[in-house]
Amino acid sequence: MAEKQQISKEFLAEAKGCLRITTDDQVINTEIVSLIKACQRDLIRNGITPSLANGLEDSLIKMAVLTYLKAEFGLDNKNRDKFRASYEQLRADLSLTDDYITEKKVS
């Protein structure tokens, strides 16, 4: 499945801030964007509606993505397990909430 959703510069900047990254390195930016997209796919795979997972506007979705980034970014991450467990719990909670697994009908 092709991923057409672009990550906004604003969200990329927010993600870099969360990771405490101040440089503008294309390799780092590419890794962060790849991780964001992987998280979005993981949320969708676990029942979250694509519009919410890809939109990155809902505060709980944003927190899930940022927590995923904190778990997965970098090679020597001593807090990986803590952040991964936090992400997995939030993902499970979202997947049990109707607002996150049912597409809203536009009237």
N, C-alpha and C. Protein backbone atom coordinates (compact mmCIF):
# COMPACT_ATOMS: atom_id res chain seq x y z
N MET A 1 0.84 -1.17 0.00
CA MET A 1 0.00 0.00 0.00
C MET A 1 0.89 1.24 0.00
N ALA A 2 0.68 2.10 -0.96
CA ALA A 2 1.48 3.33 -1.05
C ALA A 2 1.04 4.31 0.02
N GLU A 3 2.02 4.98 0.59
CA GLU A 3 1.73 5.97 1.62
C GLU A 3 1.80 7.35 0.99
N LYS A 4 0.64 7.97 0.83
CA LYS A 4 0.57 9.26 0.16
C LYS A 4 0.59 10.41 1.16
N GLN A 5 0.26 10.13 2.39
CA GLN A 5 0.16 11.17 3.41
C GLN A 5 1.52 11.80 3.66
N GLN A 6 1.57 13.12 3.53
CA GLN A 6 2.80 13.85 3.80
C GLN A 6 2.81 14.30 5.26
N ILE A 7 3.98 14.34 5.83
CA ILE A 7 4.14 14.84 7.20
C ILE A 7 4.45 16.33 7.09
N SER A 8 3.67 17.14 7.78
CA SER A 8 3.87 18.59 7.69
C SER A 8 5.19 19.00 8.33
N LYS A 9 5.72 20.12 7.86
CA LYS A 9 6.94 20.67 8.45
C LYS A 9 6.72 21.01 9.91
N GLU A 10 5.50 21.45 10.24
CA GLU A 10 5.18 21.80 11.63
C GLU A 10 5.24 20.57 12.53
N PHE A 11 4.66 19.45 12.05
CA PHE A 11 4.70 18.25 12.88
C PHE A 11 6.11 17.69 12.98
N LEU A 12 6.86 17.76 11.88
CA LEU A 12 8.25 17.31 11.93
C LEU A 12 9.03 18.13 12.95
N ALA A 13 8.81 19.44 12.98
CA ALA A 13 9.48 20.30 13.96
C ALA A 13 9.06 19.94 15.38
N GLU A 14 7.78 19.65 15.58
CA GLU A 14 7.29 19.24 16.90
C GLU A 14 7.94 17.91 17.33
N ALA A 15 8.03 16.98 16.38
CA ALA A 15 8.65 15.68 16.68
C ALA A 15 10.12 15.85 17.04
N LYS A 16 10.82 16.69 16.28
CA LYS A 16 12.24 16.93 16.57
C LYS A 16 12.41 17.58 17.94
N GLY A 17 11.52 18.48 18.29
CA GLY A 17 11.56 19.10 19.61
C GLY A 17 11.35 18.08 20.71
N CYS A 18 10.41 17.17 20.49
CA CYS A 18 10.14 16.11 21.47
C CYS A 18 11.36 15.21 21.65
N LEU A 19 12.11 15.01 20.57
CA LEU A 19 13.31 14.19 20.62
C LEU A 19 14.56 14.99 21.03
N ARG A 20 14.38 16.28 21.25
CA ARG A 20 15.47 17.19 21.65
C ARG A 20 16.54 17.32 20.56
N ILE A 21 16.07 17.37 19.31
CA ILE A 21 16.97 17.51 18.17
C ILE A 21 16.88 18.95 17.67
N THR A 22 18.02 19.60 17.58
CA THR A 22 18.04 20.99 17.15
C THR A 22 18.66 21.18 15.78
N THR A 23 19.28 20.17 15.24
CA THR A 23 19.91 20.31 13.93
C THR A 23 18.91 20.01 12.82
N ASP A 24 19.19 20.50 11.64
CA ASP A 24 18.35 20.22 10.48
C ASP A 24 19.12 19.32 9.53
N ASP A 25 19.19 18.07 9.89
CA ASP A 25 19.94 17.07 9.13
C ASP A 25 18.96 16.23 8.33
N GLN A 26 19.16 16.12 7.02
CA GLN A 26 18.22 15.40 6.17
C GLN A 26 18.13 13.91 6.53
N VAL A 27 19.23 13.31 6.93
CA VAL A 27 19.22 11.89 7.31
C VAL A 27 18.34 11.70 8.56
N ILE A 28 18.50 12.57 9.54
CA ILE A 28 17.68 12.50 10.75
C ILE A 28 16.22 12.76 10.41
N ASN A 29 15.96 13.77 9.61
CA ASN A 29 14.58 14.08 9.21
C ASN A 29 13.93 12.89 8.52
N THR A 30 14.67 12.22 7.63
CA THR A 30 14.15 11.06 6.92
C THR A 30 13.82 9.92 7.89
N GLU A 31 14.70 9.70 8.87
CA GLU A 31 14.43 8.65 9.86
C GLU A 31 13.18 8.97 10.66
N ILE A 32 13.04 10.21 11.07
CA ILE A 32 11.87 10.61 11.86
C ILE A 32 10.59 10.44 11.05
N VAL A 33 10.60 10.88 9.80
CA VAL A 33 9.42 10.75 8.95
C VAL A 33 9.08 9.27 8.74
N SER A 34 10.08 8.44 8.54
CA SER A 34 9.84 7.00 8.38
C SER A 34 9.21 6.40 9.62
N LEU A 35 9.68 6.82 10.79
CA LEU A 35 9.12 6.31 12.04
C LEU A 35 7.68 6.80 12.24
N ILE A 36 7.41 8.04 11.89
CA ILE A 36 6.04 8.57 12.00
C ILE A 36 5.11 7.73 11.12
N LYS A 37 5.51 7.48 9.88
CA LYS A 37 4.69 6.70 8.97
C LYS A 37 4.52 5.26 9.46
N ALA A 38 5.57 4.69 10.04
CA ALA A 38 5.46 3.33 10.59
C ALA A 38 4.46 3.31 11.75
N CYS A 39 4.50 4.33 12.58
CA CYS A 39 3.55 4.41 13.69
C CYS A 39 2.13 4.55 13.17
N GLN A 40 1.93 5.40 12.18
CA GLN A 40 0.60 5.57 11.60
C GLN A 40 0.08 4.24 11.07
N ARG A 41 0.93 3.49 10.37
CA ARG A 41 0.52 2.18 9.85
C ARG A 41 0.19 1.22 10.99
N ASP A 42 0.98 1.28 12.06
CA ASP A 42 0.73 0.42 13.22
C ASP A 42 -0.60 0.76 13.88
N LEU A 43 -0.91 2.05 14.00
CA LEU A 43 -2.20 2.45 14.57
C LEU A 43 -3.34 1.94 13.71
N ILE A 44 -3.22 2.10 12.40
CA ILE A 44 -4.26 1.63 11.48
C ILE A 44 -4.39 0.11 11.56
N ARG A 45 -3.26 -0.57 11.61
CA ARG A 45 -3.27 -2.04 11.72
C ARG A 45 -3.97 -2.50 12.99
N ASN A 46 -3.97 -1.66 14.01
CA ASN A 46 -4.61 -2.00 15.29
C ASN A 46 -6.01 -1.41 15.42
N GLY A 47 -6.60 -1.00 14.29
CA GLY A 47 -8.01 -0.63 14.28
C GLY A 47 -8.32 0.85 14.32
N ILE A 48 -7.32 1.72 14.43
CA ILE A 48 -7.57 3.15 14.44
C ILE A 48 -7.92 3.58 13.01
N THR A 49 -8.91 4.44 12.87
CA THR A 49 -9.32 4.85 11.53
C THR A 49 -8.17 5.57 10.83
N PRO A 50 -8.01 5.32 9.55
CA PRO A 50 -6.93 5.96 8.80
C PRO A 50 -6.99 7.49 8.85
N SER A 51 -8.18 8.05 8.82
CA SER A 51 -8.27 9.51 8.84
C SER A 51 -7.71 10.09 10.12
N LEU A 52 -7.92 9.45 11.24
CA LEU A 52 -7.35 9.93 12.52
C LEU A 52 -5.86 9.65 12.59
N ALA A 53 -5.47 8.44 12.24
CA ALA A 53 -4.05 8.08 12.34
C ALA A 53 -3.19 8.92 11.41
N ASN A 54 -3.69 9.20 10.23
CA ASN A 54 -2.92 9.97 9.26
C ASN A 54 -3.04 11.47 9.43
N GLY A 55 -4.09 11.91 10.12
CA GLY A 55 -4.33 13.33 10.27
C GLY A 55 -3.39 14.03 11.23
N LEU A 56 -2.96 13.35 12.26
CA LEU A 56 -2.05 13.91 13.27
C LEU A 56 -2.58 15.19 13.91
N GLU A 57 -3.89 15.33 13.98
CA GLU A 57 -4.49 16.51 14.59
C GLU A 57 -5.07 16.23 15.96
N ASP A 58 -5.47 15.00 16.21
CA ASP A 58 -6.03 14.62 17.50
C ASP A 58 -4.90 14.53 18.53
N SER A 59 -5.13 15.07 19.71
CA SER A 59 -4.06 15.14 20.71
C SER A 59 -3.61 13.75 21.18
N LEU A 60 -4.50 12.79 21.26
CA LEU A 60 -4.09 11.45 21.69
C LEU A 60 -3.31 10.72 20.59
N ILE A 61 -3.70 10.95 19.34
CA ILE A 61 -2.94 10.37 18.23
C ILE A 61 -1.54 10.98 18.20
N LYS A 62 -1.47 12.30 18.35
CA LYS A 62 -0.17 12.96 18.37
C LYS A 62 0.70 12.40 19.50
N MET A 63 0.10 12.22 20.68
CA MET A 63 0.87 11.69 21.80
C MET A 63 1.34 10.27 21.51
N ALA A 64 0.50 9.47 20.87
CA ALA A 64 0.91 8.11 20.52
C ALA A 64 2.10 8.14 19.56
N VAL A 65 2.04 8.99 18.56
CA VAL A 65 3.13 9.07 17.59
C VAL A 65 4.41 9.57 18.25
N LEU A 66 4.31 10.59 19.07
CA LEU A 66 5.50 11.13 19.74
C LEU A 66 6.10 10.12 20.71
N THR A 67 5.26 9.37 21.39
CA THR A 67 5.75 8.34 22.31
C THR A 67 6.44 7.22 21.53
N TYR A 68 5.86 6.85 20.40
CA TYR A 68 6.47 5.85 19.51
C TYR A 68 7.86 6.32 19.08
N LEU A 69 7.95 7.60 18.68
CA LEU A 69 9.24 8.16 18.27
C LEU A 69 10.26 8.08 19.40
N LYS A 70 9.83 8.42 20.61
CA LYS A 70 10.76 8.38 21.74
C LYS A 70 11.24 6.96 22.02
N ALA A 71 10.41 5.98 21.69
CA ALA A 71 10.81 4.58 21.89
C ALA A 71 11.74 4.08 20.79
N GLU A 72 11.47 4.49 19.56
CA GLU A 72 12.13 3.87 18.42
C GLU A 72 13.30 4.66 17.83
N PHE A 73 13.42 5.94 18.13
CA PHE A 73 14.45 6.75 17.50
C PHE A 73 15.82 6.50 18.14
N GLY A 74 16.82 6.37 17.29
CA GLY A 74 18.19 6.23 17.77
C GLY A 74 18.58 4.79 18.05
N LEU A 75 19.87 4.60 18.26
CA LEU A 75 20.40 3.25 18.46
C LEU A 75 20.61 2.90 19.94
N ASP A 76 21.02 3.86 20.72
CA ASP A 76 21.33 3.60 22.13
C ASP A 76 20.31 4.31 23.01
N ASN A 77 19.10 3.75 23.04
CA ASN A 77 17.99 4.38 23.73
C ASN A 77 17.71 3.63 25.03
N LYS A 78 18.20 4.15 26.14
CA LYS A 78 18.05 3.46 27.41
C LYS A 78 16.61 3.44 27.93
N ASN A 79 15.76 4.34 27.41
CA ASN A 79 14.37 4.40 27.85
C ASN A 79 13.41 3.74 26.87
N ARG A 80 13.94 2.99 25.92
CA ARG A 80 13.12 2.38 24.88
C ARG A 80 11.96 1.56 25.45
N ASP A 81 12.25 0.68 26.39
CA ASP A 81 11.22 -0.21 26.92
C ASP A 81 10.10 0.56 27.61
N LYS A 82 10.46 1.59 28.34
CA LYS A 82 9.47 2.41 29.05
C LYS A 82 8.55 3.11 28.05
N PHE A 83 9.15 3.74 27.03
CA PHE A 83 8.34 4.45 26.05
C PHE A 83 7.55 3.49 25.18
N ARG A 84 8.12 2.34 24.86
CA ARG A 84 7.40 1.35 24.05
C ARG A 84 6.16 0.84 24.80
N ALA A 85 6.32 0.56 26.08
CA ALA A 85 5.18 0.10 26.88
C ALA A 85 4.10 1.19 26.96
N SER A 86 4.51 2.42 27.10
CA SER A 86 3.57 3.53 27.15
C SER A 86 2.81 3.66 25.83
N TYR A 87 3.54 3.56 24.71
CA TYR A 87 2.91 3.62 23.39
C TYR A 87 1.91 2.46 23.24
N GLU A 88 2.31 1.26 23.57
CA GLU A 88 1.45 0.10 23.40
C GLU A 88 0.19 0.21 24.24
N GLN A 89 0.29 0.77 25.44
CA GLN A 89 -0.89 0.95 26.29
C GLN A 89 -1.83 1.98 25.68
N LEU A 90 -1.28 3.10 25.22
CA LEU A 90 -2.11 4.12 24.59
C LEU A 90 -2.77 3.59 23.32
N ARG A 91 -2.01 2.85 22.53
CA ARG A 91 -2.56 2.25 21.30
C ARG A 91 -3.72 1.30 21.64
N ALA A 92 -3.54 0.50 22.68
CA ALA A 92 -4.60 -0.43 23.09
C ALA A 92 -5.83 0.33 23.57
N ASP A 93 -5.62 1.37 24.35
CA ASP A 93 -6.75 2.17 24.82
C ASP A 93 -7.50 2.80 23.66
N LEU A 94 -6.77 3.35 22.70
CA LEU A 94 -7.41 3.97 21.54
C LEU A 94 -8.20 2.94 20.74
N SER A 95 -7.65 1.74 20.60
CA SER A 95 -8.31 0.71 19.79
C SER A 95 -9.57 0.16 20.46
N LEU A 96 -9.79 0.53 21.72
CA LEU A 96 -11.00 0.11 22.42
C LEU A 96 -12.03 1.24 22.55
N THR A 97 -11.75 2.36 21.90
CA THR A 97 -12.60 3.53 22.01
C THR A 97 -13.31 3.78 20.69
N ASP A 98 -14.64 3.79 20.73
CA ASP A 98 -15.44 3.96 19.51
C ASP A 98 -15.03 5.16 18.67
N ASP A 99 -14.72 6.27 19.29
CA ASP A 99 -14.36 7.47 18.54
C ASP A 99 -13.13 7.28 17.67
N TYR A 100 -12.30 6.31 17.98
CA TYR A 100 -11.05 6.09 17.25
C TYR A 100 -11.11 4.93 16.26
N ILE A 101 -12.16 4.12 16.35
CA ILE A 101 -12.25 2.96 15.45
C ILE A 101 -13.43 3.03 14.49
N THR A 102 -14.23 4.07 14.62
CA THR A 102 -15.39 4.23 13.76
C THR A 102 -15.26 5.55 13.01
N GLU A 103 -15.32 5.46 11.68
CA GLU A 103 -15.28 6.69 10.87
C GLU A 103 -16.52 7.51 11.16
N LYS A 104 -16.34 8.79 11.34
CA LYS A 104 -17.47 9.69 11.56
C LYS A 104 -18.15 9.96 10.21
N LYS A 105 -19.47 9.92 10.25
CA LYS A 105 -20.23 10.22 9.03
C LYS A 105 -20.40 11.73 8.91
N VAL A 106 -20.09 12.23 7.73
CA VAL A 106 -20.24 13.65 7.47
C VAL A 106 -21.67 13.88 6.98
N SER A 107 -22.38 14.81 7.66
CA SER A 107 -23.76 15.07 7.22
C SER A 107 -23.90 16.36 6.49
